[in-house]
Amino acid sequence: MTLVWIDVSKATHARGYDADEPDEQEFKPLTAAQALALRTRNPALSPWQVVGMQLGAGFLVAVLALGVSGRAAVGWSALYGALVVLIPAALFARGLMSQFSSLNAVAASLRFFVWEAVKLGLSVAMIAAAPRLIEDLSWLALMAGLIVTLKVYWLALLLRPRRKD
């Protein structure tokens, strides 16, 4: 058996990349006019638009579950599954969009992680409480409501405002 030794530092340097060297590209900040033009071409999607779409999707799933099964408990289970996503998402959006959201980057990052932890904790607590809150709980309907409402994020990205050229 023969061992082959490859000097990785020479191989990466030969291709023009050296991890120890700083990037040669200069960072050029946008001017105010360039930033405004960029925002105009690529409008932002409000978190409240996503929450609104989730509300509509959750209600639709609950009505469909009720209509297909003919049982109120199945409809309530699907609605509760949607609320497991919707309530924490609304709380998360409220936390991020508060009056203090324009602080420095470190504080904004910390706020994001704190509110994400709150959102996840509340979702887990709501799922754990479901059997006590919904009589004759249908776990399948609850999961259907939860999953459909979660997938609205992708739908919101597809339906977001388009570039204005």
Foldseek 3Di string as FASTA:
>chain_A
DDDDDDDVQVVQVVVPDHPVDDDPDDDDDDDPVRVVLVCQQPPDDQLVVLLVLLQVQLQVLLVVQCVVVVDNLLSVLLNLLSVLQNVLSVQLSCQCPDPPNPDDPVVNVVSNVVSVVVSVVSSVVSVVCVPVPGPPHDVVSSVVSNVRSVCSVVVCVVPPDHGDD
